[in-house]
């Protein structure tokens, strides 16, 4: 059965039925009525977690060589941004957006190198006491999410090593991997430059999974403010 559309604008009251709209060549016209995250937010499924003014001196992804890279021990796993979906959860976390602002806190600074996303699977029990409770983006209350934030927190109780997923578009201060000394006439670029990575659901954190952002060099005198936004989608 052919799809019948109507060329041009239409006006209708609530609960009325209208035809799909097309252009003069029959091409279907679609528009965004609200912001792209509005529907997920209105349904109460949009959550966010972040930190502010926190050092990332212990956030280095070690022994990474392409896709075979693994994070050796939980003791060194202190992600810049981290999110854990507990095994008992009945939702997937569809990651939508990550935000990061890095700032230099001393005149001698070592950059982060490139930032990378790493993933962990099959982790039933992350025991760090200070897991962050996400904020519901509709109610603005720290409740309702099944996730736990692990930003700059060691992954105590980690069951499995991590695997390199892909590079991140985020930046946290200079990306150099050597020390630089600031002077009265100059300072390394990148101090306080905010960045946003639109992930748009291309990463899903399943129950038992962890998504974590790491540096590839050991940063010195760099702190960050971060944010991570996701939609919680029922498994079935």
C-alpha atoms as a PDB file:
ATOM      1  CA  UNK A   1       0.000   0.000   0.000  1.00  0.00           C
ATOM      2  CA  UNK A   2       1.536   3.318  -1.059  1.00  0.00           C
ATOM      3  CA  UNK A   3       2.226   5.860   1.667  1.00  0.00           C
ATOM      4  CA  UNK A   4       0.042   8.899   1.073  1.00  0.00           C
ATOM      5  CA  UNK A   5       1.481  12.238   2.192  1.00  0.00           C
ATOM      6  CA  UNK A   6       0.337  15.836   2.002  1.00  0.00           C
ATOM      7  CA  UNK A   7       2.461  18.599   0.516  1.00  0.00           C
ATOM      8  CA  UNK A   8       2.699  21.726   2.653  1.00  0.00           C
ATOM      9  CA  UNK A   9       1.937  22.639   6.239  1.00  0.00           C
ATOM     10  CA  UNK A  10      -1.067  21.394   8.186  1.00  0.00           C
ATOM     11  CA  UNK A  11      -2.636  22.551  11.411  1.00  0.00           C
ATOM     12  CA  UNK A  12      -4.463  20.319  13.835  1.00  0.00           C
ATOM     13  CA  UNK A  13      -5.813  20.365  17.362  1.00  0.00           C
ATOM     14  CA  UNK A  14      -4.803  17.901  20.058  1.00  0.00           C
ATOM     15  CA  UNK A  15      -6.108  14.365  19.393  1.00  0.00           C
ATOM     16  CA  UNK A  16      -6.684  15.115  15.722  1.00  0.00           C
ATOM     17  CA  UNK A  17      -5.249  12.996  12.875  1.00  0.00           C
ATOM     18  CA  UNK A  18      -3.088  14.463  10.126  1.00  0.00           C
ATOM     19  CA  UNK A  19      -1.343  13.071   7.070  1.00  0.00           C
ATOM     20  CA  UNK A  20       2.420  12.756   6.951  1.00  0.00           C
ATOM     21  CA  UNK A  21       3.961  15.841   5.304  1.00  0.00           C
ATOM     22  CA  UNK A  22       6.126  15.746   2.191  1.00  0.00           C
ATOM     23  CA  UNK A  23       7.880  18.152  -0.140  1.00  0.00           C
ATOM     24  CA  UNK A  24       6.778  18.819  -3.699  1.00  0.00           C
ATOM     25  CA  UNK A  25       8.845  15.837  -4.912  1.00  0.00           C
ATOM     26  CA  UNK A  26       7.230  13.431  -2.458  1.00  0.00           C
ATOM     27  CA  UNK A  27      10.184  13.434  -0.066  1.00  0.00           C
ATOM     28  CA  UNK A  28       9.105  12.887   3.534  1.00  0.00           C
ATOM     29  CA  UNK A  29       9.673  15.898   5.816  1.00  0.00           C
ATOM     30  CA  UNK A  30      10.661  15.349   9.454  1.00  0.00           C
ATOM     31  CA  UNK A  31      11.374  18.004  12.053  1.00  0.00           C
ATOM     32  CA  UNK A  32      12.609  18.123  15.638  1.00  0.00           C
ATOM     33  CA  UNK A  33       9.740  19.385  17.744  1.00  0.00           C
ATOM     34  CA  UNK A  34      11.898  19.625  20.871  1.00  0.00           C
ATOM     35  CA  UNK A  35      15.576  19.205  21.717  1.00  0.00           C
ATOM     36  CA  UNK A  36      16.969  15.799  20.739  1.00  0.00           C
ATOM     37  CA  UNK A  37      17.140  14.532  24.335  1.00  0.00           C
ATOM     38  CA  UNK A  38      13.724  15.911  25.320  1.00  0.00           C
ATOM     39  CA  UNK A  39      11.664  12.740  24.890  1.00  0.00           C
ATOM     40  CA  UNK A  40      14.039  10.555  26.902  1.00  0.00           C
ATOM     41  CA  UNK A  41      14.176  13.273  29.549  1.00  0.00           C
ATOM     42  CA  UNK A  42      10.400  13.768  29.637  1.00  0.00           C
ATOM     43  CA  UNK A  43       9.960  10.022  30.144  1.00  0.00           C
ATOM     44  CA  UNK A  44      12.267  10.257  33.173  1.00  0.00           C
ATOM     45  CA  UNK A  45      15.003   8.065  31.667  1.00  0.00           C
ATOM     46  CA  UNK A  46      17.802  10.638  31.245  1.00  0.00           C
ATOM     47  CA  UNK A  47      20.534  10.808  33.879  1.00  0.00           C
ATOM     48  CA  UNK A  48      23.814  12.610  34.430  1.00  0.00           C
ATOM     49  CA  UNK A  49      26.795  12.359  36.757  1.00  0.00           C
ATOM     50  CA  UNK A  50      30.004  14.361  37.061  1.00  0.00           C
ATOM     51  CA  UNK A  51      32.637  15.905  39.291  1.00  0.00           C
ATOM     52  CA  UNK A  52      34.288  19.276  39.660  1.00  0.00           C
ATOM     53  CA  UNK A  53      37.795  20.455  40.563  1.00  0.00           C
ATOM     54  CA  UNK A  54      39.316  16.992  40.979  1.00  0.00           C
ATOM     55  CA  UNK A  55      42.886  15.909  40.238  1.00  0.00           C
ATOM     56  CA  UNK A  56      43.445  13.170  37.631  1.00  0.00           C
ATOM     57  CA  UNK A  57      47.014  12.260  38.621  1.00  0.00           C
ATOM     58  CA  UNK A  58      46.180   8.528  38.753  1.00  0.00           C
ATOM     59  CA  UNK A  59      44.169   8.000  35.583  1.00  0.00           C
ATOM     60  CA  UNK A  60      46.614   6.350  33.189  1.00  0.00           C
ATOM     61  CA  UNK A  61      45.654   3.402  30.959  1.00  0.00           C
ATOM     62  CA  UNK A  62      48.614   1.034  31.155  1.00  0.00           C
ATOM     63  CA  UNK A  63      49.998  -1.656  28.826  1.00  0.00           C
ATOM     64  CA  UNK A  64      47.801  -0.445  25.981  1.00  0.00           C
ATOM     65  CA  UNK A  65      48.701  -1.666  22.522  1.00  0.00           C
ATOM     66  CA  UNK A  66      45.845  -1.181  20.099  1.00  0.00           C
ATOM     67  CA  UNK A  67      42.829  -3.406  20.673  1.00  0.00           C
ATOM     68  CA  UNK A  68      44.849  -5.831  22.798  1.00  0.00           C
ATOM     69  CA  UNK A  69      45.453  -3.236  25.505  1.00  0.00           C
ATOM     70  CA  UNK A  70      44.327  -4.183  29.002  1.00  0.00           C
ATOM     71  CA  UNK A  71      44.327  -2.408  32.333  1.00  0.00           C
ATOM     72  CA  UNK A  72      46.479  -4.529  34.579  1.00  0.00           C
ATOM     73  CA  UNK A  73      45.213  -3.954  38.112  1.00  0.00           C
ATOM     74  CA  UNK A  74      42.279  -2.347  39.870  1.00  0.00           C
ATOM     75  CA  UNK A  75      44.705  -0.293  41.956  1.00  0.00           C
ATOM     76  CA  UNK A  76      45.683   1.786  38.912  1.00  0.00           C
ATOM     77  CA  UNK A  77      42.162   2.006  37.479  1.00  0.00           C
ATOM     78  CA  UNK A  78      41.066   5.505  38.463  1.00  0.00           C
ATOM     79  CA  UNK A  79      39.103   6.821  35.465  1.00  0.00           C
ATOM     80  CA  UNK A  80      38.670  10.472  34.596  1.00  0.00           C
ATOM     81  CA  UNK A  81      35.037   9.597  33.822  1.00  0.00           C
ATOM     82  CA  UNK A  82      33.537   6.292  34.912  1.00  0.00           C
ATOM     83  CA  UNK A  83      30.109   4.636  34.910  1.00  0.00           C
ATOM     84  CA  UNK A  84      29.140   1.204  36.276  1.00  0.00           C
ATOM     85  CA  UNK A  85      25.953  -0.673  35.434  1.00  0.00           C
ATOM     86  CA  UNK A  86      25.406  -3.189  38.282  1.00  0.00           C
ATOM     87  CA  UNK A  87      24.777  -6.807  37.314  1.00  0.00           C
ATOM     88  CA  UNK A  88      21.328  -6.742  38.954  1.00  0.00           C
ATOM     89  CA  UNK A  89      20.228  -3.867  36.731  1.00  0.00           C
ATOM     90  CA  UNK A  90      17.417  -4.444  34.219  1.00  0.00           C
ATOM     91  CA  UNK A  91      18.452  -1.614  31.881  1.00  0.00           C
ATOM     92  CA  UNK A  92      21.174  -0.713  29.408  1.00  0.00           C
ATOM     93  CA  UNK A  93      22.908   2.637  29.726  1.00  0.00           C
ATOM     94  CA  UNK A  94      22.933   4.223  26.253  1.00  0.00           C
ATOM     95  CA  UNK A  95      25.667   6.859  26.468  1.00  0.00           C
ATOM     96  CA  UNK A  96      24.662  10.126  24.811  1.00  0.00           C
ATOM     97  CA  UNK A  97      27.213  12.782  25.698  1.00  0.00           C
ATOM     98  CA  UNK A  98      30.409  13.361  27.682  1.00  0.00           C
ATOM     99  CA  UNK A  99      31.780  16.741  28.791  1.00  0.00           C
ATOM    100  CA  UNK A 100      35.185  17.659  30.187  1.00  0.00           C
ATOM    101  CA  UNK A 101      36.956  20.845  31.248  1.00  0.00           C
ATOM    102  CA  UNK A 102      40.591  20.501  32.307  1.00  0.00           C
ATOM    103  CA  UNK A 103      42.606  23.133  34.124  1.00  0.00           C
ATOM    104  CA  UNK A 104      46.245  23.441  35.183  1.00  0.00           C
ATOM    105  CA  UNK A 105      46.907  23.801  38.901  1.00  0.00           C
ATOM    106  CA  UNK A 106      50.672  24.463  39.054  1.00  0.00           C
ATOM    107  CA  UNK A 107      53.385  26.061  36.937  1.00  0.00           C
ATOM    108  CA  UNK A 108      55.068  22.729  36.175  1.00  0.00           C
ATOM    109  CA  UNK A 109      52.599  20.543  34.302  1.00  0.00           C
ATOM    110  CA  UNK A 110      52.644  17.236  32.407  1.00  0.00           C
ATOM    111  CA  UNK A 111      49.867  16.681  29.911  1.00  0.00           C
ATOM    112  CA  UNK A 112      47.448  13.782  29.616  1.00  0.00           C
ATOM    113  CA  UNK A 113      48.383  12.476  26.201  1.00  0.00           C
ATOM    114  CA  UNK A 114      45.324  11.432  24.205  1.00  0.00           C
ATOM    115  CA  UNK A 115      42.260  10.373  26.181  1.00  0.00           C
ATOM    116  CA  UNK A 116      40.824   6.906  25.513  1.00  0.00           C
ATOM    117  CA  UNK A 117      37.604   5.044  26.307  1.00  0.00           C
ATOM    118  CA  UNK A 118      38.025   1.614  27.902  1.00  0.00           C
ATOM    119  CA  UNK A 119      35.390  -0.967  28.785  1.00  0.00           C
ATOM    120  CA  UNK A 120      35.047  -3.711  31.398  1.00  0.00           C
ATOM    121  CA  UNK A 121      32.475  -6.504  31.373  1.00  0.00           C
ATOM    122  CA  UNK A 122      31.196  -9.039  33.900  1.00  0.00           C
ATOM    123  CA  UNK A 123      31.780  -6.965  37.026  1.00  0.00           C
ATOM    124  CA  UNK A 124      29.084  -7.807  39.588  1.00  0.00           C
ATOM    125  CA  UNK A 125      30.395  -5.879  42.570  1.00  0.00           C
ATOM    126  CA  UNK A 126      32.337  -2.612  42.572  1.00  0.00           C
ATOM    127  CA  UNK A 127      32.850  -1.988  46.279  1.00  0.00           C
ATOM    128  CA  UNK A 128      34.254   1.543  46.397  1.00  0.00           C
ATOM    129  CA  UNK A 129      32.311   3.287  49.152  1.00  0.00           C
ATOM    130  CA  UNK A 130      31.966   6.674  47.485  1.00  0.00           C
ATOM    131  CA  UNK A 131      30.154   5.656  44.283  1.00  0.00           C
ATOM    132  CA  UNK A 132      28.394   8.715  42.879  1.00  0.00           C
ATOM    133  CA  UNK A 133      24.594   8.750  42.672  1.00  0.00           C
ATOM    134  CA  UNK A 134      23.462  10.096  39.276  1.00  0.00           C
ATOM    135  CA  UNK A 135      21.073  13.011  38.884  1.00  0.00           C
ATOM    136  CA  UNK A 136      17.734  12.589  37.122  1.00  0.00           C
ATOM    137  CA  UNK A 137      17.725  15.288  34.434  1.00  0.00           C
ATOM    138  CA  UNK A 138      13.929  15.744  34.677  1.00  0.00           C
ATOM    139  CA  UNK A 139      13.375  15.886  38.430  1.00  0.00           C
ATOM    140  CA  UNK A 140      16.862  17.275  39.216  1.00  0.00           C
ATOM    141  CA  UNK A 141      16.956  14.828  42.125  1.00  0.00           C
ATOM    142  CA  UNK A 142      19.776  12.351  42.806  1.00  0.00           C
ATOM    143  CA  UNK A 143      17.511   9.322  42.535  1.00  0.00           C
ATOM    144  CA  UNK A 144      15.981   6.844  40.084  1.00  0.00           C
ATOM    145  CA  UNK A 145      19.096   5.684  38.243  1.00  0.00           C
ATOM    146  CA  UNK A 146      20.378   2.113  38.388  1.00  0.00           C
ATOM    147  CA  UNK A 147      23.902   3.271  37.474  1.00  0.00           C
ATOM    148  CA  UNK A 148      26.760   4.330  39.745  1.00  0.00           C
ATOM    149  CA  UNK A 149      29.258   7.054  38.891  1.00  0.00           C
ATOM    150  CA  UNK A 150      32.963   6.187  39.254  1.00  0.00           C
ATOM    151  CA  UNK A 151      34.577   9.460  38.187  1.00  0.00           C
ATOM    152  CA  UNK A 152      38.184   9.595  39.546  1.00  0.00           C
ATOM    153  CA  UNK A 153      37.420   6.652  41.866  1.00  0.00           C
ATOM    154  CA  UNK A 154      39.537   3.486  41.987  1.00  0.00           C
ATOM    155  CA  UNK A 155      37.617   0.477  40.686  1.00  0.00           C
ATOM    156  CA  UNK A 156      37.802  -1.466  43.943  1.00  0.00           C
ATOM    157  CA  UNK A 157      36.379  -4.959  43.541  1.00  0.00           C
ATOM    158  CA  UNK A 158      36.951  -5.040  39.775  1.00  0.00           C
ATOM    159  CA  UNK A 159      36.497  -8.604  38.521  1.00  0.00           C
ATOM    160  CA  UNK A 160      37.961  -8.338  35.012  1.00  0.00           C
ATOM    161  CA  UNK A 161      40.637  -6.288  33.298  1.00  0.00           C
ATOM    162  CA  UNK A 162      39.622  -3.647  30.821  1.00  0.00           C
ATOM    163  CA  UNK A 163      39.895  -3.462  27.060  1.00  0.00           C
ATOM    164  CA  UNK A 164      40.667  -0.432  24.939  1.00  0.00           C
ATOM    165  CA  UNK A 165      37.552   0.641  23.020  1.00  0.00           C
ATOM    166  CA  UNK A 166      38.463   3.773  21.075  1.00  0.00           C
ATOM    167  CA  UNK A 167      39.979   7.232  21.266  1.00  0.00           C
ATOM    168  CA  UNK A 168      37.985  10.041  22.834  1.00  0.00           C
ATOM    169  CA  UNK A 169      37.393  13.506  21.399  1.00  0.00           C
ATOM    170  CA  UNK A 170      37.626  14.996  24.896  1.00  0.00           C
ATOM    171  CA  UNK A 171      40.615  17.047  26.059  1.00  0.00           C
ATOM    172  CA  UNK A 172      41.909  17.851  29.542  1.00  0.00           C
ATOM    173  CA  UNK A 173      44.596  20.506  29.394  1.00  0.00           C
ATOM    174  CA  UNK A 174      47.690  19.968  27.209  1.00  0.00           C
ATOM    175  CA  UNK A 175      47.916  16.579  25.514  1.00  0.00           C
ATOM    176  CA  UNK A 176      51.710  16.425  25.740  1.00  0.00           C
ATOM    177  CA  UNK A 177      53.382  13.580  27.622  1.00  0.00           C
ATOM    178  CA  UNK A 178      56.347  15.609  28.929  1.00  0.00           C
ATOM    179  CA  UNK A 179      56.714  18.246  31.639  1.00  0.00           C
ATOM    180  CA  UNK A 180      56.368  21.932  30.817  1.00  0.00           C
ATOM    181  CA  UNK A 181      57.197  24.898  33.024  1.00  0.00           C
ATOM    182  CA  UNK A 182      55.044  27.999  32.840  1.00  0.00           C
ATOM    183  CA  UNK A 183      56.621  31.436  33.010  1.00  0.00           C
ATOM    184  CA  UNK A 184      55.396  34.986  33.307  1.00  0.00           C
ATOM    185  CA  UNK A 185      55.372  35.345  29.507  1.00  0.00           C
ATOM    186  CA  UNK A 186      53.864  32.028  28.525  1.00  0.00           C
ATOM    187  CA  UNK A 187      52.044  28.936  29.644  1.00  0.00           C
ATOM    188  CA  UNK A 188      51.064  25.675  27.926  1.00  0.00           C
ATOM    189  CA  UNK A 189      47.915  25.886  25.818  1.00  0.00           C
ATOM    190  CA  UNK A 190      44.778  24.029  26.810  1.00  0.00           C
ATOM    191  CA  UNK A 191      44.241  25.397  30.303  1.00  0.00           C
ATOM    192  CA  UNK A 192      40.509  25.391  31.020  1.00  0.00           C
ATOM    193  CA  UNK A 193      39.346  24.559  27.484  1.00  0.00           C
ATOM    194  CA  UNK A 194      36.039  22.655  27.736  1.00  0.00           C
ATOM    195  CA  UNK A 195      35.219  19.861  25.283  1.00  0.00           C
ATOM    196  CA  UNK A 196      32.113  17.836  24.412  1.00  0.00           C
ATOM    197  CA  UNK A 197      31.893  14.391  22.810  1.00  0.00           C
ATOM    198  CA  UNK A 198      28.545  13.453  21.296  1.00  0.00           C
ATOM    199  CA  UNK A 199      28.375   9.677  21.624  1.00  0.00           C
ATOM    200  CA  UNK A 200      24.683   9.502  20.664  1.00  0.00           C
ATOM    201  CA  UNK A 201      24.063   5.923  21.792  1.00  0.00           C
ATOM    202  CA  UNK A 202      27.054   4.430  19.950  1.00  0.00           C
ATOM    203  CA  UNK A 203      28.273   3.039  23.299  1.00  0.00           C
ATOM    204  CA  UNK A 204      25.959   0.900  25.457  1.00  0.00           C
ATOM    205  CA  UNK A 205      26.969  -0.180  28.961  1.00  0.00           C
ATOM    206  CA  UNK A 206      25.161  -3.478  29.743  1.00  0.00           C
ATOM    207  CA  UNK A 207      24.542  -4.899  33.230  1.00  0.00           C
ATOM    208  CA  UNK A 208      27.894  -5.730  34.822  1.00  0.00           C
ATOM    209  CA  UNK A 209      29.672  -3.354  32.443  1.00  0.00           C
ATOM    210  CA  UNK A 210      31.875  -0.328  33.098  1.00  0.00           C
ATOM    211  CA  UNK A 211      32.746   2.528  30.751  1.00  0.00           C
ATOM    212  CA  UNK A 212      35.848   4.472  31.738  1.00  0.00           C
ATOM    213  CA  UNK A 213      37.881   7.350  30.291  1.00  0.00           C
ATOM    214  CA  UNK A 214      41.643   7.223  30.831  1.00  0.00           C
ATOM    215  CA  UNK A 215      44.730   9.241  29.987  1.00  0.00           C
ATOM    216  CA  UNK A 216      47.604   7.750  27.975  1.00  0.00           C
ATOM    217  CA  UNK A 217      50.292   9.692  29.845  1.00  0.00           C
ATOM    218  CA  UNK A 218      50.573  10.311  33.581  1.00  0.00           C
ATOM    219  CA  UNK A 219      49.276  13.855  34.153  1.00  0.00           C
ATOM    220  CA  UNK A 220      50.783  16.223  36.690  1.00  0.00           C
ATOM    221  CA  UNK A 221      49.049  19.350  38.020  1.00  0.00           C
ATOM    222  CA  UNK A 222      45.847  18.851  36.009  1.00  0.00           C
ATOM    223  CA  UNK A 223      42.345  18.806  37.492  1.00  0.00           C
ATOM    224  CA  UNK A 224      39.011  18.419  35.724  1.00  0.00           C
ATOM    225  CA  UNK A 225      35.306  19.076  35.844  1.00  0.00           C
ATOM    226  CA  UNK A 226      33.309  16.374  34.051  1.00  0.00           C
ATOM    227  CA  UNK A 227      29.834  15.309  33.010  1.00  0.00           C
ATOM    228  CA  UNK A 228      28.356  12.156  31.486  1.00  0.00           C
ATOM    229  CA  UNK A 229      24.763  11.898  30.219  1.00  0.00           C
ATOM    230  CA  UNK A 230      22.928   8.703  29.275  1.00  0.00           C
ATOM    231  CA  UNK A 231      19.494   7.165  28.760  1.00  0.00           C
ATOM    232  CA  UNK A 232      18.450   4.080  30.701  1.00  0.00           C
ATOM    233  CA  UNK A 233      16.661   1.695  28.327  1.00  0.00           C
ATOM    234  CA  UNK A 234      14.849  -1.475  29.554  1.00  0.00           C
ATOM    235  CA  UNK A 235      16.470  -4.738  28.478  1.00  0.00           C
ATOM    236  CA  UNK A 236      13.155  -6.117  27.214  1.00  0.00           C
END
